[in-house]
N, C-alpha and C. Protein backbone atom coordinates (compact mmCIF):
# COMPACT_ATOMS: atom_id res chain seq x y z
N UNK A 1 -125.50 150.31 -52.23
CA UNK A 1 -124.86 151.29 -53.08
C UNK A 1 -124.19 152.38 -52.25
N UNK A 2 -124.66 152.60 -51.03
CA UNK A 2 -124.09 153.65 -50.18
C UNK A 2 -122.62 153.37 -49.90
N UNK A 3 -122.24 152.12 -49.67
CA UNK A 3 -120.85 151.79 -49.39
C UNK A 3 -119.95 152.14 -50.56
N UNK A 4 -120.47 152.03 -51.76
CA UNK A 4 -119.68 152.32 -52.94
C UNK A 4 -119.40 153.82 -53.06
N UNK A 5 -120.23 154.66 -52.43
CA UNK A 5 -120.05 156.11 -52.50
C UNK A 5 -119.07 156.66 -51.46
N UNK A 6 -118.71 155.87 -50.45
CA UNK A 6 -117.93 156.40 -49.34
C UNK A 6 -116.49 156.74 -49.70
N UNK A 7 -115.88 155.99 -50.61
CA UNK A 7 -114.51 156.29 -51.00
C UNK A 7 -114.30 155.87 -52.45
N UNK A 8 -113.17 156.23 -52.99
CA UNK A 8 -112.88 155.92 -54.38
C UNK A 8 -111.80 154.83 -54.45
N UNK A 9 -112.21 153.57 -54.54
CA UNK A 9 -111.23 152.50 -54.64
C UNK A 9 -110.58 152.44 -56.02
N UNK A 10 -111.06 153.23 -56.94
CA UNK A 10 -110.51 153.27 -58.30
C UNK A 10 -109.69 154.52 -58.53
N UNK A 11 -109.14 155.09 -57.47
CA UNK A 11 -108.45 156.37 -57.56
C UNK A 11 -107.26 156.35 -58.52
N UNK A 12 -106.67 155.19 -58.74
CA UNK A 12 -105.56 155.15 -59.69
C UNK A 12 -106.04 155.18 -61.14
N UNK A 13 -107.36 155.01 -61.33
CA UNK A 13 -107.93 155.00 -62.67
C UNK A 13 -108.74 156.25 -62.99
N UNK A 14 -109.55 156.70 -62.02
CA UNK A 14 -110.43 157.84 -62.27
C UNK A 14 -110.44 158.76 -61.04
N UNK A 15 -110.79 160.01 -61.26
CA UNK A 15 -110.83 160.98 -60.16
C UNK A 15 -112.01 160.68 -59.24
N UNK A 16 -111.95 161.22 -58.05
CA UNK A 16 -113.03 161.03 -57.08
C UNK A 16 -114.34 161.63 -57.57
N UNK A 17 -114.26 162.76 -58.27
CA UNK A 17 -115.47 163.40 -58.81
C UNK A 17 -116.15 162.48 -59.83
N UNK A 18 -115.35 161.91 -60.72
CA UNK A 18 -115.91 161.01 -61.74
C UNK A 18 -116.48 159.77 -61.07
N UNK A 19 -115.75 159.23 -60.10
CA UNK A 19 -116.21 158.04 -59.38
C UNK A 19 -117.55 158.31 -58.70
N UNK A 20 -117.64 159.44 -58.00
CA UNK A 20 -118.88 159.80 -57.30
C UNK A 20 -120.04 159.95 -58.28
N UNK A 21 -119.77 160.59 -59.42
CA UNK A 21 -120.82 160.77 -60.43
C UNK A 21 -121.29 159.42 -60.98
N UNK A 22 -120.36 158.54 -61.29
CA UNK A 22 -120.73 157.22 -61.81
C UNK A 22 -121.52 156.42 -60.76
N UNK A 23 -121.07 156.47 -59.52
CA UNK A 23 -121.76 155.74 -58.45
C UNK A 23 -123.16 156.32 -58.21
N UNK A 24 -123.25 157.64 -58.24
CA UNK A 24 -124.54 158.31 -58.02
C UNK A 24 -125.58 157.88 -59.04
N UNK A 25 -125.14 157.68 -60.27
CA UNK A 25 -126.05 157.29 -61.34
C UNK A 25 -126.10 155.76 -61.53
N UNK A 26 -125.55 155.07 -60.56
CA UNK A 26 -125.55 153.60 -60.54
C UNK A 26 -124.96 153.00 -61.82
N UNK A 27 -123.86 153.57 -62.25
CA UNK A 27 -123.17 153.09 -63.44
C UNK A 27 -121.96 152.22 -63.09
N UNK A 28 -121.76 151.97 -61.81
CA UNK A 28 -120.67 151.11 -61.36
C UNK A 28 -121.24 149.81 -60.83
N UNK A 29 -120.56 148.75 -61.11
CA UNK A 29 -120.94 147.44 -60.59
C UNK A 29 -120.21 147.21 -59.27
N UNK A 30 -120.96 146.99 -58.19
CA UNK A 30 -120.33 146.74 -56.89
C UNK A 30 -119.42 145.52 -56.98
N UNK A 31 -119.87 144.50 -57.69
CA UNK A 31 -119.07 143.29 -57.85
C UNK A 31 -117.79 143.60 -58.62
N UNK A 32 -117.91 144.40 -59.66
CA UNK A 32 -116.74 144.77 -60.45
C UNK A 32 -115.73 145.56 -59.64
N UNK A 33 -116.20 146.49 -58.82
CA UNK A 33 -115.32 147.27 -57.96
C UNK A 33 -114.66 146.35 -56.93
N UNK A 34 -115.46 145.44 -56.33
CA UNK A 34 -114.92 144.48 -55.37
C UNK A 34 -113.83 143.63 -56.01
N UNK A 35 -114.08 143.12 -57.20
CA UNK A 35 -113.10 142.28 -57.89
C UNK A 35 -111.82 143.06 -58.21
N UNK A 36 -111.98 144.31 -58.61
CA UNK A 36 -110.81 145.16 -58.88
C UNK A 36 -109.97 145.31 -57.62
N UNK A 37 -110.64 145.56 -56.49
CA UNK A 37 -109.92 145.73 -55.22
C UNK A 37 -109.22 144.43 -54.82
N UNK A 38 -109.86 143.30 -55.04
CA UNK A 38 -109.24 142.01 -54.73
C UNK A 38 -108.00 141.80 -55.60
N UNK A 39 -108.10 142.08 -56.89
CA UNK A 39 -106.94 141.91 -57.77
C UNK A 39 -105.80 142.85 -57.38
N UNK A 40 -106.13 144.09 -57.02
CA UNK A 40 -105.10 145.05 -56.62
C UNK A 40 -104.42 144.60 -55.33
N UNK A 41 -105.21 144.13 -54.38
CA UNK A 41 -104.65 143.64 -53.10
C UNK A 41 -103.77 142.42 -53.34
N UNK A 42 -104.20 141.52 -54.21
CA UNK A 42 -103.42 140.33 -54.54
C UNK A 42 -102.08 140.73 -55.15
N UNK A 43 -102.10 141.66 -56.12
CA UNK A 43 -100.85 142.13 -56.72
C UNK A 43 -99.92 142.73 -55.68
N UNK A 44 -100.50 143.50 -54.76
CA UNK A 44 -99.70 144.11 -53.70
C UNK A 44 -99.03 143.05 -52.83
N UNK A 45 -99.78 142.04 -52.46
CA UNK A 45 -99.23 140.96 -51.65
C UNK A 45 -98.14 140.21 -52.40
N UNK A 46 -98.36 139.93 -53.67
CA UNK A 46 -97.37 139.20 -54.47
C UNK A 46 -96.10 140.02 -54.65
N UNK A 47 -96.24 141.35 -54.76
CA UNK A 47 -95.05 142.21 -54.89
C UNK A 47 -94.20 142.15 -53.63
N UNK A 48 -94.84 141.86 -52.49
CA UNK A 48 -94.10 141.71 -51.23
C UNK A 48 -93.63 140.27 -51.05
N UNK A 49 -93.70 139.50 -52.14
CA UNK A 49 -93.23 138.12 -52.20
C UNK A 49 -93.99 137.16 -51.29
N UNK A 50 -95.26 137.47 -51.06
CA UNK A 50 -96.14 136.55 -50.35
C UNK A 50 -96.53 135.47 -51.35
N UNK A 51 -96.37 134.19 -51.00
CA UNK A 51 -96.78 133.12 -51.92
C UNK A 51 -98.26 133.26 -52.30
N UNK A 52 -98.58 132.85 -53.52
CA UNK A 52 -99.94 133.01 -54.05
C UNK A 52 -100.98 132.37 -53.15
N UNK A 53 -100.70 131.17 -52.66
CA UNK A 53 -101.67 130.48 -51.80
C UNK A 53 -101.94 131.30 -50.54
N UNK A 54 -100.89 131.81 -49.92
CA UNK A 54 -101.05 132.62 -48.70
C UNK A 54 -101.76 133.94 -49.00
N UNK A 55 -101.48 134.53 -50.15
CA UNK A 55 -102.15 135.78 -50.53
C UNK A 55 -103.65 135.54 -50.69
N UNK A 56 -104.02 134.43 -51.31
CA UNK A 56 -105.44 134.12 -51.47
C UNK A 56 -106.07 133.84 -50.12
N UNK A 57 -105.37 133.15 -49.24
CA UNK A 57 -105.89 132.89 -47.90
C UNK A 57 -106.10 134.20 -47.13
N UNK A 58 -105.17 135.14 -47.28
CA UNK A 58 -105.33 136.43 -46.61
C UNK A 58 -106.54 137.18 -47.16
N UNK A 59 -106.75 137.11 -48.45
CA UNK A 59 -107.93 137.72 -49.05
C UNK A 59 -109.20 137.05 -48.56
N UNK A 60 -109.15 135.74 -48.31
CA UNK A 60 -110.31 135.03 -47.77
C UNK A 60 -110.68 135.56 -46.39
N UNK A 61 -109.69 135.98 -45.63
CA UNK A 61 -109.98 136.56 -44.32
C UNK A 61 -110.69 137.90 -44.46
N UNK A 62 -110.30 138.67 -45.47
CA UNK A 62 -110.92 139.97 -45.71
C UNK A 62 -112.30 139.85 -46.35
N UNK A 63 -112.47 138.82 -47.15
CA UNK A 63 -113.74 138.58 -47.86
C UNK A 63 -114.22 137.18 -47.48
N UNK A 64 -114.63 137.04 -46.24
CA UNK A 64 -114.97 135.73 -45.68
C UNK A 64 -116.12 135.04 -46.40
N UNK A 65 -116.95 135.80 -47.08
CA UNK A 65 -118.09 135.21 -47.78
C UNK A 65 -117.70 134.59 -49.12
N UNK A 66 -116.43 134.76 -49.55
CA UNK A 66 -115.97 134.18 -50.81
C UNK A 66 -115.14 132.93 -50.54
N UNK A 67 -115.29 131.95 -51.39
CA UNK A 67 -114.52 130.72 -51.27
C UNK A 67 -113.15 130.90 -51.92
N UNK A 68 -112.22 130.02 -51.55
CA UNK A 68 -110.86 130.06 -52.08
C UNK A 68 -110.88 130.06 -53.61
N UNK A 69 -111.64 129.14 -54.21
CA UNK A 69 -111.68 129.05 -55.67
C UNK A 69 -112.27 130.29 -56.32
N UNK A 70 -113.22 130.91 -55.67
CA UNK A 70 -113.80 132.14 -56.21
C UNK A 70 -112.75 133.24 -56.26
N UNK A 71 -111.99 133.39 -55.19
CA UNK A 71 -110.93 134.41 -55.18
C UNK A 71 -109.86 134.07 -56.21
N UNK A 72 -109.52 132.81 -56.31
CA UNK A 72 -108.53 132.37 -57.30
C UNK A 72 -109.00 132.74 -58.71
N UNK A 73 -110.27 132.51 -59.00
CA UNK A 73 -110.81 132.85 -60.31
C UNK A 73 -110.78 134.36 -60.55
N UNK A 74 -111.03 135.13 -59.51
CA UNK A 74 -111.00 136.60 -59.64
C UNK A 74 -109.58 137.07 -59.94
N UNK A 75 -108.60 136.60 -59.17
CA UNK A 75 -107.23 137.13 -59.33
C UNK A 75 -106.55 136.62 -60.59
N UNK A 76 -106.92 135.44 -61.04
CA UNK A 76 -106.30 134.90 -62.26
C UNK A 76 -107.16 135.11 -63.49
N UNK A 77 -108.32 135.74 -63.33
CA UNK A 77 -109.17 136.06 -64.47
C UNK A 77 -109.79 134.85 -65.13
N UNK A 78 -110.01 133.79 -64.37
CA UNK A 78 -110.62 132.59 -64.93
C UNK A 78 -112.12 132.81 -65.08
N UNK A 79 -112.62 132.46 -66.21
CA UNK A 79 -114.05 132.62 -66.49
C UNK A 79 -114.61 131.26 -66.88
N UNK A 80 -115.92 131.15 -66.76
CA UNK A 80 -116.57 129.94 -67.25
C UNK A 80 -116.56 129.98 -68.77
N UNK A 81 -115.86 129.06 -69.36
CA UNK A 81 -115.75 129.02 -70.81
C UNK A 81 -116.36 127.74 -71.32
N UNK A 82 -117.10 127.86 -72.41
CA UNK A 82 -117.72 126.67 -73.01
C UNK A 82 -117.16 126.44 -74.39
């Protein structure tokens, strides 16, 4: 949880004070914040006309513990549906 307090990756959505307060009270999901950052980075890469496959591969370098399909599901919002 300490890593989540170091900076505000949601600065375009909420102020740093609000982010710090939410993190302090453990009201933020680390996974949710990570996924938001991945989606934002993916959008940024695509805006620079990086092909989707290459953008996902670049994200794999940044998040080496995630598989290609996991990142693809995060950026395209694919969920397990029954």
